[in-house]
């Protein structure tokens, strides 16, 4: 299984498994220290959830720890430059 993350905005990512969106990764809180949550979109029975998910949500103290838990997925960062007003 190959996970990847696609940034939507600072602190928010789509979580993809083999190219299909299956969940999200979000930063919680407005001040440091932040926590990060990986969440599946569908509440599947535990035996049908993709590894390493045991629950629907899993919390981590850093994005790096969350990524390590997912097997170090490719992360696509949104690098759009701001448009002139």
C-alpha atoms as a PDB file:
ATOM      1  CA  UNK A   1       0.000   0.000   0.000  1.00  0.00           C
ATOM      2  CA  UNK A   2       1.347   3.389  -0.968  1.00  0.00           C
ATOM      3  CA  UNK A   3       0.142   6.508   0.803  1.00  0.00           C
ATOM      4  CA  UNK A   4       0.617  10.082  -0.356  1.00  0.00           C
ATOM      5  CA  UNK A   5      -0.420  13.477   0.974  1.00  0.00           C
ATOM      6  CA  UNK A   6      -1.558  16.430  -1.128  1.00  0.00           C
ATOM      7  CA  UNK A   7      -1.590  19.794   0.604  1.00  0.00           C
ATOM      8  CA  UNK A   8      -4.841  21.737   0.300  1.00  0.00           C
ATOM      9  CA  UNK A   9      -3.890  24.659   2.562  1.00  0.00           C
ATOM     10  CA  UNK A  10      -1.386  25.170   5.368  1.00  0.00           C
ATOM     11  CA  UNK A  11      -2.111  22.415   7.897  1.00  0.00           C
ATOM     12  CA  UNK A  12      -4.559  20.461   5.702  1.00  0.00           C
ATOM     13  CA  UNK A  13      -3.869  17.512   3.400  1.00  0.00           C
ATOM     14  CA  UNK A  14      -5.825  14.952   1.420  1.00  0.00           C
ATOM     15  CA  UNK A  15      -4.712  11.434   2.352  1.00  0.00           C
ATOM     16  CA  UNK A  16      -4.462   9.186  -0.693  1.00  0.00           C
ATOM     17  CA  UNK A  17      -3.964   5.439  -0.870  1.00  0.00           C
ATOM     18  CA  UNK A  18      -2.812   4.193  -4.268  1.00  0.00           C
ATOM     19  CA  UNK A  19      -4.013   7.485  -5.796  1.00  0.00           C
ATOM     20  CA  UNK A  20      -7.519   7.438  -4.249  1.00  0.00           C
ATOM     21  CA  UNK A  21      -8.571   9.902  -1.538  1.00  0.00           C
ATOM     22  CA  UNK A  22      -9.402   7.910   1.576  1.00  0.00           C
ATOM     23  CA  UNK A  23      -9.017  10.501   4.317  1.00  0.00           C
ATOM     24  CA  UNK A  24      -7.448  13.687   5.555  1.00  0.00           C
ATOM     25  CA  UNK A  25      -4.551  14.899   7.643  1.00  0.00           C
ATOM     26  CA  UNK A  26      -5.080  18.114   9.583  1.00  0.00           C
ATOM     27  CA  UNK A  27      -3.200  20.266  12.045  1.00  0.00           C
ATOM     28  CA  UNK A  28      -5.136  20.914  15.256  1.00  0.00           C
ATOM     29  CA  UNK A  29      -4.946  24.113  17.283  1.00  0.00           C
ATOM     30  CA  UNK A  30      -4.045  27.666  16.472  1.00  0.00           C
ATOM     31  CA  UNK A  31      -0.886  27.824  18.581  1.00  0.00           C
ATOM     32  CA  UNK A  32       2.113  25.583  19.032  1.00  0.00           C
ATOM     33  CA  UNK A  33       2.505  22.893  20.078  1.00  0.00           C
ATOM     34  CA  UNK A  34       0.183  21.616  17.365  1.00  0.00           C
ATOM     35  CA  UNK A  35      -1.113  18.092  17.106  1.00  0.00           C
ATOM     36  CA  UNK A  36      -1.880  16.294  13.857  1.00  0.00           C
ATOM     37  CA  UNK A  37      -4.775  13.954  13.068  1.00  0.00           C
ATOM     38  CA  UNK A  38      -5.058  11.340  10.326  1.00  0.00           C
ATOM     39  CA  UNK A  39      -8.722  10.506   9.697  1.00  0.00           C
ATOM     40  CA  UNK A  40     -10.442   8.084   7.331  1.00  0.00           C
ATOM     41  CA  UNK A  41     -13.429   9.420   5.366  1.00  0.00           C
ATOM     42  CA  UNK A  42     -15.460   6.225   5.722  1.00  0.00           C
ATOM     43  CA  UNK A  43     -16.106   4.392   8.993  1.00  0.00           C
ATOM     44  CA  UNK A  44     -15.138   0.923   7.796  1.00  0.00           C
ATOM     45  CA  UNK A  45     -15.202  -2.117  10.069  1.00  0.00           C
ATOM     46  CA  UNK A  46     -11.811  -2.524  11.742  1.00  0.00           C
ATOM     47  CA  UNK A  47     -10.893  -5.575   9.629  1.00  0.00           C
ATOM     48  CA  UNK A  48     -11.507  -3.559   6.407  1.00  0.00           C
ATOM     49  CA  UNK A  49      -9.468  -0.469   7.355  1.00  0.00           C
ATOM     50  CA  UNK A  50      -6.180   0.019   5.520  1.00  0.00           C
ATOM     51  CA  UNK A  51      -3.067  -0.598   7.615  1.00  0.00           C
ATOM     52  CA  UNK A  52      -1.940   0.937   9.903  1.00  0.00           C
ATOM     53  CA  UNK A  53      -5.387   2.332  10.839  1.00  0.00           C
ATOM     54  CA  UNK A  54      -6.869   0.601  13.896  1.00  0.00           C
ATOM     55  CA  UNK A  55      -9.431   3.388  14.449  1.00  0.00           C
ATOM     56  CA  UNK A  56     -11.014   6.074  12.300  1.00  0.00           C
ATOM     57  CA  UNK A  57      -8.722   8.772  13.747  1.00  0.00           C
ATOM     58  CA  UNK A  58      -5.151   8.729  15.008  1.00  0.00           C
ATOM     59  CA  UNK A  59      -3.416  11.700  16.668  1.00  0.00           C
ATOM     60  CA  UNK A  60       0.290  12.543  16.585  1.00  0.00           C
ATOM     61  CA  UNK A  61       2.434  15.252  18.167  1.00  0.00           C
ATOM     62  CA  UNK A  62       4.171  16.094  14.854  1.00  0.00           C
ATOM     63  CA  UNK A  63       3.543  15.756  11.135  1.00  0.00           C
ATOM     64  CA  UNK A  64       6.854  13.886  10.883  1.00  0.00           C
ATOM     65  CA  UNK A  65       5.649  11.208  13.317  1.00  0.00           C
ATOM     66  CA  UNK A  66       2.353  10.890  11.440  1.00  0.00           C
ATOM     67  CA  UNK A  67       4.239  10.465   8.155  1.00  0.00           C
ATOM     68  CA  UNK A  68       6.545   7.844   9.679  1.00  0.00           C
ATOM     69  CA  UNK A  69       3.443   5.930  10.873  1.00  0.00           C
ATOM     70  CA  UNK A  70       2.099   5.976   7.291  1.00  0.00           C
ATOM     71  CA  UNK A  71       5.404   4.668   5.907  1.00  0.00           C
ATOM     72  CA  UNK A  72       6.858   8.041   4.855  1.00  0.00           C
ATOM     73  CA  UNK A  73       4.435   8.950   2.075  1.00  0.00           C
ATOM     74  CA  UNK A  74       5.214  11.312  -0.762  1.00  0.00           C
ATOM     75  CA  UNK A  75       4.035  14.808   0.217  1.00  0.00           C
ATOM     76  CA  UNK A  76       2.912  17.196  -2.518  1.00  0.00           C
ATOM     77  CA  UNK A  77       3.096  20.751  -1.182  1.00  0.00           C
ATOM     78  CA  UNK A  78       0.908  23.544  -2.546  1.00  0.00           C
ATOM     79  CA  UNK A  79       3.385  26.131  -3.822  1.00  0.00           C
ATOM     80  CA  UNK A  80       1.021  28.519  -5.532  1.00  0.00           C
ATOM     81  CA  UNK A  81       2.350  32.021  -5.487  1.00  0.00           C
ATOM     82  CA  UNK A  82      -0.056  34.699  -4.370  1.00  0.00           C
ATOM     83  CA  UNK A  83      -1.797  36.512  -7.168  1.00  0.00           C
ATOM     84  CA  UNK A  84      -1.668  40.311  -7.408  1.00  0.00           C
ATOM     85  CA  UNK A  85      -4.784  42.050  -6.133  1.00  0.00           C
END
